[in-house]
Amino acid sequence: MDELDDFTIGLHSGGQSISITVIGLLVIDAASNWDKNWLRTKISVRAGAFGGTYDADLTTFDFENFKGSEFAI
């Protein structure tokens, strides 16, 4: 399987923001269904004077958990 195209989701309000950019699959040729659900991401946060970016491995299930939360867009 080829790498995924990058895409970003985010929430921005009043100069504060959080965004998650999906970079690609964590395991390109995964054999198990569990491994196929892991994504490499970059998370960016801006809150007042604080700002930061870090890499995180998330599952597709994490995005389901965001739905209905305060993170939901």
PDB file of N, CA and C in Angstrom:
ATOM      1  N   MET A   1       0.848  -1.175   0.000  1.00  0.00           N
ATOM      2  CA  MET A   1       0.000   0.000   0.000  1.00  0.00           C
ATOM      3  C   MET A   1       0.890   1.234   0.000  1.00  0.00           C
ATOM      4  N   ASP A   2       0.510   2.246  -0.753  1.00  0.00           N
ATOM      5  CA  ASP A   2       1.262   3.490  -0.823  1.00  0.00           C
ATOM      6  C   ASP A   2       0.970   4.358   0.382  1.00  0.00           C
ATOM      7  N   GLU A   3       1.869   5.312   0.621  1.00  0.00           N
ATOM      8  CA  GLU A   3       1.647   6.291   1.686  1.00  0.00           C
ATOM      9  C   GLU A   3       0.376   7.080   1.398  1.00  0.00           C
ATOM     10  N   LEU A   4      -0.280   7.534   2.440  1.00  0.00           N
ATOM     11  CA  LEU A   4      -1.457   8.384   2.306  1.00  0.00           C
ATOM     12  C   LEU A   4      -1.032   9.814   2.017  1.00  0.00           C
ATOM     13  N   ASP A   5      -1.868  10.564   1.316  1.00  0.00           N
ATOM     14  CA  ASP A   5      -1.649  12.002   1.192  1.00  0.00           C
ATOM     15  C   ASP A   5      -1.909  12.627   2.559  1.00  0.00           C
ATOM     16  N   ASP A   6      -1.117  13.663   2.899  1.00  0.00           N
ATOM     17  CA  ASP A   6      -1.329  14.364   4.168  1.00  0.00           C
ATOM     18  C   ASP A   6      -2.698  15.033   4.176  1.00  0.00           C
ATOM     19  N   PHE A   7      -3.353  15.040   5.325  1.00  0.00           N
ATOM     20  CA  PHE A   7      -4.553  15.854   5.503  1.00  0.00           C
ATOM     21  C   PHE A   7      -4.606  16.308   6.947  1.00  0.00           C
ATOM     22  N   THR A   8      -5.290  17.425   7.170  1.00  0.00           N
ATOM     23  CA  THR A   8      -5.320  18.054   8.489  1.00  0.00           C
ATOM     24  C   THR A   8      -6.750  18.321   8.917  1.00  0.00           C
ATOM     25  N   ILE A   9      -7.025  18.065  10.198  1.00  0.00           N
ATOM     26  CA  ILE A   9      -8.278  18.491  10.812  1.00  0.00           C
ATOM     27  C   ILE A   9      -7.904  19.410  11.960  1.00  0.00           C
ATOM     28  N   GLY A  10      -8.774  20.323  12.292  1.00  0.00           N
ATOM     29  CA  GLY A  10      -8.423  21.221  13.378  1.00  0.00           C
ATOM     30  C   GLY A  10      -9.590  22.026  13.891  1.00  0.00           C
ATOM     31  N   LEU A  11      -9.326  22.687  14.998  1.00  0.00           N
ATOM     32  CA  LEU A  11     -10.287  23.564  15.642  1.00  0.00           C
ATOM     33  C   LEU A  11      -9.549  24.858  15.962  1.00  0.00           C
ATOM     34  N   HIS A  12     -10.092  25.977  15.490  1.00  0.00           N
ATOM     35  CA  HIS A  12      -9.438  27.270  15.665  1.00  0.00           C
ATOM     36  C   HIS A  12     -10.460  28.268  16.191  1.00  0.00           C
ATOM     37  N   SER A  13     -10.099  28.985  17.257  1.00  0.00           N
ATOM     38  CA  SER A  13     -11.021  29.960  17.834  1.00  0.00           C
ATOM     39  C   SER A  13     -10.244  30.990  18.642  1.00  0.00           C
ATOM     40  N   GLY A  14     -10.465  32.251  18.358  1.00  0.00           N
ATOM     41  CA  GLY A  14      -9.885  33.321  19.160  1.00  0.00           C
ATOM     42  C   GLY A  14      -8.385  33.257  19.315  1.00  0.00           C
ATOM     43  N   GLY A  15      -7.667  32.902  18.272  1.00  0.00           N
ATOM     44  CA  GLY A  15      -6.214  32.818  18.336  1.00  0.00           C
ATOM     45  C   GLY A  15      -5.691  31.549  18.975  1.00  0.00           C
ATOM     46  N   GLN A  16      -6.573  30.664  19.406  1.00  0.00           N
ATOM     47  CA  GLN A  16      -6.178  29.377  19.967  1.00  0.00           C
ATOM     48  C   GLN A  16      -6.547  28.286  18.965  1.00  0.00           C
ATOM     49  N   SER A  17      -5.739  27.250  18.921  1.00  0.00           N
ATOM     50  CA  SER A  17      -6.024  26.206  17.941  1.00  0.00           C
ATOM     51  C   SER A  17      -5.388  24.880  18.325  1.00  0.00           C
ATOM     52  N   ILE A  18      -5.961  23.845  17.774  1.00  0.00           N
ATOM     53  CA  ILE A  18      -5.361  22.517  17.807  1.00  0.00           C
ATOM     54  C   ILE A  18      -5.607  21.909  16.438  1.00  0.00           C
ATOM     55  N   SER A  19      -4.583  21.318  15.873  1.00  0.00           N
ATOM     56  CA  SER A  19      -4.747  20.659  14.586  1.00  0.00           C
ATOM     57  C   SER A  19      -3.969  19.355  14.578  1.00  0.00           C
ATOM     58  N   ILE A  20      -4.505  18.404  13.850  1.00  0.00           N
ATOM     59  CA  ILE A  20      -3.873  17.098  13.699  1.00  0.00           C
ATOM     60  C   ILE A  20      -3.681  16.853  12.212  1.00  0.00           C
ATOM     61  N   THR A  21      -2.433  16.688  11.809  1.00  0.00           N
ATOM     62  CA  THR A  21      -2.115  16.371  10.424  1.00  0.00           C
ATOM     63  C   THR A  21      -1.742  14.898  10.355  1.00  0.00           C
ATOM     64  N   VAL A  22      -2.455  14.158   9.534  1.00  0.00           N
ATOM     65  CA  VAL A  22      -2.133  12.747   9.330  1.00  0.00           C
ATOM     66  C   VAL A  22      -1.056  12.683   8.256  1.00  0.00           C
ATOM     67  N   ILE A  23       0.094  12.127   8.623  1.00  0.00           N
ATOM     68  CA  ILE A  23       1.244  12.044   7.732  1.00  0.00           C
ATOM     69  C   ILE A  23       1.186  10.777   6.884  1.00  0.00           C
ATOM     70  N   GLY A  24       0.746   9.685   7.479  1.00  0.00           N
ATOM     71  CA  GLY A  24       0.677   8.423   6.753  1.00  0.00           C
ATOM     72  C   GLY A  24       0.391   7.269   7.686  1.00  0.00           C
ATOM     73  N   LEU A  25       0.481   6.092   7.140  1.00  0.00           N
ATOM     74  CA  LEU A  25       0.269   4.875   7.917  1.00  0.00           C
ATOM     75  C   LEU A  25       1.509   4.570   8.744  1.00  0.00           C
ATOM     76  N   LEU A  26       1.318   4.062   9.937  1.00  0.00           N
ATOM     77  CA  LEU A  26       2.448   3.683  10.781  1.00  0.00           C
ATOM     78  C   LEU A  26       3.110   2.413  10.246  1.00  0.00           C
ATOM     79  N   VAL A  27       2.297   1.439   9.841  1.00  0.00           N
ATOM     80  CA  VAL A  27       2.803   0.176   9.293  1.00  0.00           C
ATOM     81  C   VAL A  27       2.282   0.068   7.863  1.00  0.00           C
ATOM     82  N   ILE A  28       3.148   0.308   6.891  1.00  0.00           N
ATOM     83  CA  ILE A  28       2.734   0.380   5.489  1.00  0.00           C
ATOM     84  C   ILE A  28       2.111  -0.923   4.996  1.00  0.00           C
ATOM     85  N   ASP A  29       2.765  -2.040   5.204  1.00  0.00           N
ATOM     86  CA  ASP A  29       2.279  -3.335   4.710  1.00  0.00           C
ATOM     87  C   ASP A  29       1.775  -4.205   5.855  1.00  0.00           C
ATOM     88  N   ALA A  30       0.927  -3.642   6.693  1.00  0.00           N
ATOM     89  CA  ALA A  30       0.433  -4.355   7.876  1.00  0.00           C
ATOM     90  C   ALA A  30      -0.350  -5.598   7.474  1.00  0.00           C
ATOM     91  N   ALA A  31      -0.129  -6.668   8.213  1.00  0.00           N
ATOM     92  CA  ALA A  31      -0.855  -7.913   7.972  1.00  0.00           C
ATOM     93  C   ALA A  31      -2.118  -7.992   8.825  1.00  0.00           C
ATOM     94  N   SER A  32      -2.063  -7.456  10.035  1.00  0.00           N
ATOM     95  CA  SER A  32      -3.223  -7.556  10.925  1.00  0.00           C
ATOM     96  C   SER A  32      -4.112  -6.320  10.792  1.00  0.00           C
ATOM     97  N   ASN A  33      -5.397  -6.518  11.014  1.00  0.00           N
ATOM     98  CA  ASN A  33      -6.338  -5.400  10.960  1.00  0.00           C
ATOM     99  C   ASN A  33      -6.002  -4.345  12.008  1.00  0.00           C
ATOM    100  N   TRP A  34      -5.540  -4.773  13.176  1.00  0.00           N
ATOM    101  CA  TRP A  34      -5.181  -3.825  14.230  1.00  0.00           C
ATOM    102  C   TRP A  34      -4.063  -2.898  13.754  1.00  0.00           C
ATOM    103  N   ASP A  35      -3.018  -3.464  13.169  1.00  0.00           N
ATOM    104  CA  ASP A  35      -1.891  -2.660  12.700  1.00  0.00           C
ATOM    105  C   ASP A  35      -2.287  -1.717  11.566  1.00  0.00           C
ATOM    106  N   LYS A  36      -3.284  -2.086  10.784  1.00  0.00           N
ATOM    107  CA  LYS A  36      -3.735  -1.243   9.666  1.00  0.00           C
ATOM    108  C   LYS A  36      -4.412   0.033  10.148  1.00  0.00           C
ATOM    109  N   ASN A  37      -4.807   0.100  11.404  1.00  0.00           N
ATOM    110  CA  ASN A  37      -5.517   1.256  11.947  1.00  0.00           C
ATOM    111  C   ASN A  37      -4.607   2.322  12.549  1.00  0.00           C
ATOM    112  N   TRP A  38      -3.303   2.100  12.560  1.00  0.00           N
ATOM    113  CA  TRP A  38      -2.382   3.060  13.173  1.00  0.00           C
ATOM    114  C   TRP A  38      -1.910   4.094  12.160  1.00  0.00           C
ATOM    115  N   LEU A  39      -1.926   5.376  12.579  1.00  0.00           N
ATOM    116  CA  LEU A  39      -1.545   6.494  11.729  1.00  0.00           C
ATOM    117  C   LEU A  39      -0.433   7.309  12.377  1.00  0.00           C
ATOM    118  N   ARG A  40       0.492   7.802  11.548  1.00  0.00           N
ATOM    119  CA  ARG A  40       1.508   8.753  12.014  1.00  0.00           C
ATOM    120  C   ARG A  40       0.910  10.149  11.880  1.00  0.00           C
ATOM    121  N   THR A  41       0.976  10.944  12.947  1.00  0.00           N
ATOM    122  CA  THR A  41       0.386  12.285  12.915  1.00  0.00           C
ATOM    123  C   THR A  41       1.337  13.321  13.500  1.00  0.00           C
ATOM    124  N   LYS A  42       1.046  14.572  13.189  1.00  0.00           N
ATOM    125  CA  LYS A  42       1.725  15.704  13.815  1.00  0.00           C
ATOM    126  C   LYS A  42       0.628  16.559  14.434  1.00  0.00           C
ATOM    127  N   ILE A  43       0.737  16.819  15.733  1.00  0.00           N
ATOM    128  CA  ILE A  43      -0.262  17.597  16.461  1.00  0.00           C
ATOM    129  C   ILE A  43       0.331  18.963  16.791  1.00  0.00           C
ATOM    130  N   SER A  44      -0.422  20.008  16.465  1.00  0.00           N
ATOM    131  CA  SER A  44       0.001  21.385  16.743  1.00  0.00           C
ATOM    132  C   SER A  44      -1.023  22.039  17.655  1.00  0.00           C
ATOM    133  N   VAL A  45      -0.519  22.730  18.684  1.00  0.00           N
ATOM    134  CA  VAL A  45      -1.386  23.386  19.666  1.00  0.00           C
ATOM    135  C   VAL A  45      -0.918  24.824  19.842  1.00  0.00           C
ATOM    136  N   ARG A  46      -1.873  25.748  19.901  1.00  0.00           N
ATOM    137  CA  ARG A  46      -1.585  27.143  20.224  1.00  0.00           C
ATOM    138  C   ARG A  46      -2.627  27.576  21.240  1.00  0.00           C
ATOM    139  N   ALA A  47      -2.175  27.966  22.438  1.00  0.00           N
ATOM    140  CA  ALA A  47      -3.079  28.404  23.507  1.00  0.00           C
ATOM    141  C   ALA A  47      -2.407  29.543  24.254  1.00  0.00           C
ATOM    142  N   GLY A  48      -2.824  30.755  23.973  1.00  0.00           N
ATOM    143  CA  GLY A  48      -2.197  31.908  24.604  1.00  0.00           C
ATOM    144  C   GLY A  48      -0.733  31.989  24.227  1.00  0.00           C
ATOM    145  N   ALA A  49       0.132  32.093  25.234  1.00  0.00           N
ATOM    146  CA  ALA A  49       1.566  32.191  24.985  1.00  0.00           C
ATOM    147  C   ALA A  49       2.197  30.835  24.686  1.00  0.00           C
ATOM    148  N   PHE A  50       1.449  29.765  24.903  1.00  0.00           N
ATOM    149  CA  PHE A  50       1.978  28.424  24.683  1.00  0.00           C
ATOM    150  C   PHE A  50       1.702  27.986  23.256  1.00  0.00           C
ATOM    151  N   GLY A  51       2.679  27.367  22.654  1.00  0.00           N
ATOM    152  CA  GLY A  51       2.504  26.752  21.343  1.00  0.00           C
ATOM    153  C   GLY A  51       3.461  25.592  21.224  1.00  0.00           C
ATOM    154  N   GLY A  52       3.034  24.551  20.596  1.00  0.00           N
ATOM    155  CA  GLY A  52       3.913  23.410  20.439  1.00  0.00           C
ATOM    156  C   GLY A  52       3.441  22.479  19.348  1.00  0.00           C
ATOM    157  N   THR A  53       4.368  21.674  18.877  1.00  0.00           N
ATOM    158  CA  THR A  53       4.092  20.667  17.859  1.00  0.00           C
ATOM    159  C   THR A  53       4.800  19.391  18.271  1.00  0.00           C
ATOM    160  N   TYR A  54       4.121  18.282  18.121  1.00  0.00           N
ATOM    161  CA  TYR A  54       4.765  17.010  18.423  1.00  0.00           C
ATOM    162  C   TYR A  54       4.197  15.916  17.537  1.00  0.00           C
ATOM    163  N   ASP A  55       4.978  14.864  17.366  1.00  0.00           N
ATOM    164  CA  ASP A  55       4.562  13.704  16.587  1.00  0.00           C
ATOM    165  C   ASP A  55       3.840  12.733  17.506  1.00  0.00           C
ATOM    166  N   ALA A  56       2.795  12.111  16.982  1.00  0.00           N
ATOM    167  CA  ALA A  56       2.033  11.139  17.769  1.00  0.00           C
ATOM    168  C   ALA A  56       1.520  10.042  16.849  1.00  0.00           C
ATOM    169  N   ASP A  57       1.457   8.838  17.377  1.00  0.00           N
ATOM    170  CA  ASP A  57       0.850   7.717  16.666  1.00  0.00           C
ATOM    171  C   ASP A  57      -0.550   7.531  17.220  1.00  0.00           C
ATOM    172  N   LEU A  58      -1.559   7.658  16.361  1.00  0.00           N
ATOM    173  CA  LEU A  58      -2.959   7.525  16.752  1.00  0.00           C
ATOM    174  C   LEU A  58      -3.598   6.407  15.946  1.00  0.00           C
ATOM    175  N   THR A  59      -4.707   5.908  16.450  1.00  0.00           N
ATOM    176  CA  THR A  59      -5.463   4.928  15.670  1.00  0.00           C
ATOM    177  C   THR A  59      -6.655   5.620  15.021  1.00  0.00           C
ATOM    178  N   THR A  60      -7.227   4.973  14.038  1.00  0.00           N
ATOM    179  CA  THR A  60      -8.437   5.509  13.416  1.00  0.00           C
ATOM    180  C   THR A  60      -9.547   5.606  14.452  1.00  0.00           C
ATOM    181  N   PHE A  61      -9.512   4.758  15.471  1.00  0.00           N
ATOM    182  CA  PHE A  61     -10.517   4.788  16.535  1.00  0.00           C
ATOM    183  C   PHE A  61     -10.426   6.079  17.350  1.00  0.00           C
ATOM    184  N   ASP A  62      -9.224   6.644  17.476  1.00  0.00           N
ATOM    185  CA  ASP A  62      -9.065   7.905  18.200  1.00  0.00           C
ATOM    186  C   ASP A  62      -9.898   9.010  17.554  1.00  0.00           C
ATOM    187  N   PHE A  63      -9.971   9.016  16.234  1.00  0.00           N
ATOM    188  CA  PHE A  63     -10.761  10.036  15.542  1.00  0.00           C
ATOM    189  C   PHE A  63     -12.247   9.840  15.800  1.00  0.00           C
ATOM    190  N   GLU A  64     -12.686   8.604  15.932  1.00  0.00           N
ATOM    191  CA  GLU A  64     -14.079   8.328  16.314  1.00  0.00           C
ATOM    192  C   GLU A  64     -14.357   8.885  17.708  1.00  0.00           C
ATOM    193  N   ASN A  65     -13.381   8.752  18.612  1.00  0.00           N
ATOM    194  CA  ASN A  65     -13.548   9.265  19.975  1.00  0.00           C
ATOM    195  C   ASN A  65     -13.621  10.787  20.006  1.00  0.00           C
ATOM    196  N   PHE A  66     -12.963  11.467  19.048  1.00  0.00           N
ATOM    197  CA  PHE A  66     -13.026  12.924  18.986  1.00  0.00           C
ATOM    198  C   PHE A  66     -14.435  13.389  18.632  1.00  0.00           C
ATOM    199  N   LYS A  67     -15.137  12.583  17.838  1.00  0.00           N
ATOM    200  CA  LYS A  67     -16.494  12.948  17.424  1.00  0.00           C
ATOM    201  C   LYS A  67     -17.388  13.013  18.654  1.00  0.00           C
ATOM    202  N   GLY A  68     -18.134  14.079  18.803  1.00  0.00           N
ATOM    203  CA  GLY A  68     -19.005  14.222  19.959  1.00  0.00           C
ATOM    204  C   GLY A  68     -18.308  14.809  21.171  1.00  0.00           C
ATOM    205  N   SER A  69     -16.991  15.005  21.087  1.00  0.00           N
ATOM    206  CA  SER A  69     -16.266  15.623  22.195  1.00  0.00           C
ATOM    207  C   SER A  69     -16.141  17.116  21.919  1.00  0.00           C
ATOM    208  N   GLU A  70     -15.516  17.842  22.824  1.00  0.00           N
ATOM    209  CA  GLU A  70     -15.300  19.269  22.609  1.00  0.00           C
ATOM    210  C   GLU A  70     -14.365  19.521  21.446  1.00  0.00           C
ATOM    211  N   PHE A  71     -13.621  18.487  21.022  1.00  0.00           N
ATOM    212  CA  PHE A  71     -12.717  18.643  19.884  1.00  0.00           C
ATOM    213  C   PHE A  71     -13.479  18.631  18.569  1.00  0.00           C
ATOM    214  N   ALA A  72     -14.694  18.096  18.575  1.00  0.00           N
ATOM    215  CA  ALA A  72     -15.458  17.946  17.327  1.00  0.00           C
ATOM    216  C   ALA A  72     -15.619  19.281  16.622  1.00  0.00           C
ATOM    217  N   ILE A  73     -15.518  19.221  15.324  1.00  0.00           N
ATOM    218  CA  ILE A  73     -15.617  20.429  14.504  1.00  0.00           C
ATOM    219  C   ILE A  73     -17.055  20.618  14.054  1.00  0.00           C
TER     220      ILE A  73
END
